[in-house]
Amino acid sequence: MKGGGFGLLGNIVIGIVGAVIGGYVFGLLGISAGGLIGAIITATVGAIILLFVVGLIKKA
């Protein structure tokens, strides 16, 4: 059964790059998320954005 993920290393890279993207997007919007929970939310939003873009590129 084939999964839809990117493997362990790919998921780690997606998470790290997503955190950077999330920080950039939150900075553009003027949103300041502090603390551990804020960092987790920022990274999650960034990873969601990145996965959305990768999904669009893979479909093309």
N, C-alpha and C. Protein backbone atom coordinates (compact mmCIF):
# COMPACT_ATOMS: atom_id res chain seq x y z
N MET A 1 0.84 -1.17 0.00
CA MET A 1 0.00 0.00 0.00
C MET A 1 0.88 1.24 0.00
N LYS A 2 0.71 2.08 -0.98
CA LYS A 2 1.56 3.26 -1.14
C LYS A 2 0.95 4.44 -0.39
N GLY A 3 1.80 5.11 0.40
CA GLY A 3 1.34 6.28 1.15
C GLY A 3 1.47 7.55 0.34
N GLY A 4 0.91 8.63 0.85
CA GLY A 4 0.95 9.89 0.14
C GLY A 4 1.97 10.85 0.70
N GLY A 5 2.80 10.40 1.64
CA GLY A 5 3.77 11.27 2.28
C GLY A 5 5.05 11.38 1.48
N PHE A 6 6.04 12.00 2.10
CA PHE A 6 7.32 12.22 1.44
C PHE A 6 8.44 11.43 2.13
N GLY A 7 8.10 10.54 3.03
CA GLY A 7 9.11 9.80 3.78
C GLY A 7 9.56 10.62 4.99
N LEU A 8 10.34 9.99 5.84
CA LEU A 8 10.76 10.63 7.09
C LEU A 8 11.57 11.89 6.82
N LEU A 9 12.60 11.79 6.01
CA LEU A 9 13.45 12.95 5.73
C LEU A 9 12.68 14.05 5.01
N GLY A 10 11.84 13.66 4.07
CA GLY A 10 11.03 14.64 3.34
C GLY A 10 10.08 15.39 4.25
N ASN A 11 9.45 14.66 5.19
CA ASN A 11 8.54 15.30 6.13
C ASN A 11 9.26 16.27 7.06
N ILE A 12 10.48 15.91 7.47
CA ILE A 12 11.27 16.82 8.31
C ILE A 12 11.61 18.08 7.55
N VAL A 13 12.01 17.94 6.30
CA VAL A 13 12.34 19.11 5.47
C VAL A 13 11.10 19.97 5.26
N ILE A 14 9.96 19.34 4.98
CA ILE A 14 8.71 20.08 4.81
C ILE A 14 8.39 20.87 6.07
N GLY A 15 8.58 20.27 7.23
CA GLY A 15 8.32 20.95 8.49
C GLY A 15 9.22 22.15 8.71
N ILE A 16 10.50 22.00 8.41
CA ILE A 16 11.46 23.09 8.62
C ILE A 16 11.20 24.22 7.63
N VAL A 17 11.04 23.88 6.37
CA VAL A 17 10.76 24.91 5.36
C VAL A 17 9.40 25.55 5.63
N GLY A 18 8.44 24.76 6.07
CA GLY A 18 7.13 25.29 6.42
C GLY A 18 7.20 26.28 7.56
N ALA A 19 8.06 26.02 8.54
CA ALA A 19 8.23 26.96 9.65
C ALA A 19 8.78 28.29 9.16
N VAL A 20 9.72 28.23 8.24
CA VAL A 20 10.28 29.47 7.68
C VAL A 20 9.21 30.23 6.90
N ILE A 21 8.46 29.52 6.08
CA ILE A 21 7.39 30.15 5.30
C ILE A 21 6.33 30.73 6.22
N GLY A 22 5.95 29.99 7.25
CA GLY A 22 4.96 30.48 8.20
C GLY A 22 5.43 31.74 8.90
N GLY A 23 6.69 31.78 9.31
CA GLY A 23 7.23 32.98 9.94
C GLY A 23 7.22 34.17 9.00
N TYR A 24 7.53 33.92 7.73
CA TYR A 24 7.52 34.99 6.73
C TYR A 24 6.10 35.51 6.50
N VAL A 25 5.15 34.59 6.33
CA VAL A 25 3.76 34.99 6.08
C VAL A 25 3.18 35.72 7.29
N PHE A 26 3.42 35.19 8.49
CA PHE A 26 2.92 35.86 9.69
C PHE A 26 3.55 37.24 9.83
N GLY A 27 4.82 37.39 9.46
CA GLY A 27 5.48 38.69 9.50
C GLY A 27 4.85 39.67 8.53
N LEU A 28 4.51 39.19 7.33
CA LEU A 28 3.87 40.05 6.34
C LEU A 28 2.50 40.52 6.81
N LEU A 29 1.79 39.63 7.50
CA LEU A 29 0.46 39.96 7.99
C LEU A 29 0.49 40.74 9.30
N GLY A 30 1.65 40.89 9.90
CA GLY A 30 1.77 41.61 11.15
C GLY A 30 1.30 40.82 12.35
N ILE A 31 1.29 39.50 12.24
CA ILE A 31 0.85 38.64 13.33
C ILE A 31 2.08 38.21 14.12
N SER A 32 2.02 38.38 15.42
CA SER A 32 3.12 37.98 16.28
C SER A 32 2.65 36.82 17.16
N ALA A 33 3.22 35.66 16.93
CA ALA A 33 2.87 34.47 17.72
C ALA A 33 4.08 34.12 18.58
N GLY A 34 3.97 34.34 19.88
CA GLY A 34 5.10 34.08 20.77
C GLY A 34 4.93 32.80 21.53
N GLY A 35 6.03 32.31 22.07
CA GLY A 35 6.01 31.11 22.88
C GLY A 35 6.01 29.84 22.06
N LEU A 36 5.98 28.74 22.76
CA LEU A 36 6.04 27.43 22.11
C LEU A 36 4.80 27.17 21.27
N ILE A 37 3.62 27.46 21.81
CA ILE A 37 2.38 27.22 21.07
C ILE A 37 2.33 28.09 19.82
N GLY A 38 2.76 29.33 19.93
CA GLY A 38 2.80 30.22 18.77
C GLY A 38 3.74 29.71 17.69
N ALA A 39 4.89 29.18 18.11
CA ALA A 39 5.84 28.63 17.14
C ALA A 39 5.27 27.39 16.45
N ILE A 40 4.57 26.56 17.20
CA ILE A 40 3.95 25.37 16.62
C ILE A 40 2.87 25.77 15.62
N ILE A 41 2.06 26.74 15.98
CA ILE A 41 1.00 27.20 15.07
C ILE A 41 1.60 27.81 13.81
N THR A 42 2.64 28.63 13.98
CA THR A 42 3.31 29.25 12.83
C THR A 42 3.88 28.19 11.89
N ALA A 43 4.56 27.20 12.45
CA ALA A 43 5.15 26.13 11.63
C ALA A 43 4.08 25.30 10.95
N THR A 44 2.98 25.04 11.64
CA THR A 44 1.90 24.25 11.06
C THR A 44 1.25 24.98 9.89
N VAL A 45 0.98 26.26 10.07
CA VAL A 45 0.38 27.05 8.98
C VAL A 45 1.32 27.10 7.79
N GLY A 46 2.61 27.30 8.04
CA GLY A 46 3.59 27.32 6.96
C GLY A 46 3.68 26.00 6.23
N ALA A 47 3.64 24.89 6.98
CA ALA A 47 3.70 23.57 6.34
C ALA A 47 2.45 23.31 5.52
N ILE A 48 1.31 23.75 6.00
CA ILE A 48 0.06 23.58 5.23
C ILE A 48 0.14 24.36 3.93
N ILE A 49 0.64 25.58 3.99
CA ILE A 49 0.80 26.39 2.77
C ILE A 49 1.75 25.70 1.81
N LEU A 50 2.89 25.21 2.33
CA LEU A 50 3.88 24.55 1.49
C LEU A 50 3.31 23.28 0.86
N LEU A 51 2.61 22.47 1.63
CA LEU A 51 2.03 21.24 1.09
C LEU A 51 0.96 21.54 0.04
N PHE A 52 0.21 22.61 0.23
CA PHE A 52 -0.78 23.03 -0.76
C PHE A 52 -0.09 23.38 -2.09
N VAL A 53 0.98 24.15 -2.00
CA VAL A 53 1.72 24.56 -3.21
C VAL A 53 2.35 23.34 -3.89
N VAL A 54 2.94 22.44 -3.09
CA VAL A 54 3.55 21.23 -3.67
C VAL A 54 2.49 20.38 -4.33
N GLY A 55 1.30 20.28 -3.72
CA GLY A 55 0.21 19.53 -4.33
C GLY A 55 -0.23 20.11 -5.66
N LEU A 56 -0.26 21.44 -5.74
CA LEU A 56 -0.62 22.09 -7.01
C LEU A 56 0.43 21.81 -8.08
N ILE A 57 1.69 21.83 -7.68
CA ILE A 57 2.77 21.58 -8.65
C ILE A 57 2.77 20.13 -9.11
N LYS A 58 2.52 19.19 -8.20
CA LYS A 58 2.51 17.77 -8.57
C LYS A 58 1.37 17.42 -9.51
N LYS A 59 0.23 18.13 -9.39
CA LYS A 59 -0.92 17.87 -10.26
C LYS A 59 -0.68 18.39 -11.67
N ALA A 60 0.14 19.43 -11.79
CA ALA A 60 0.37 20.04 -13.10
C ALA A 60 1.25 19.20 -13.99
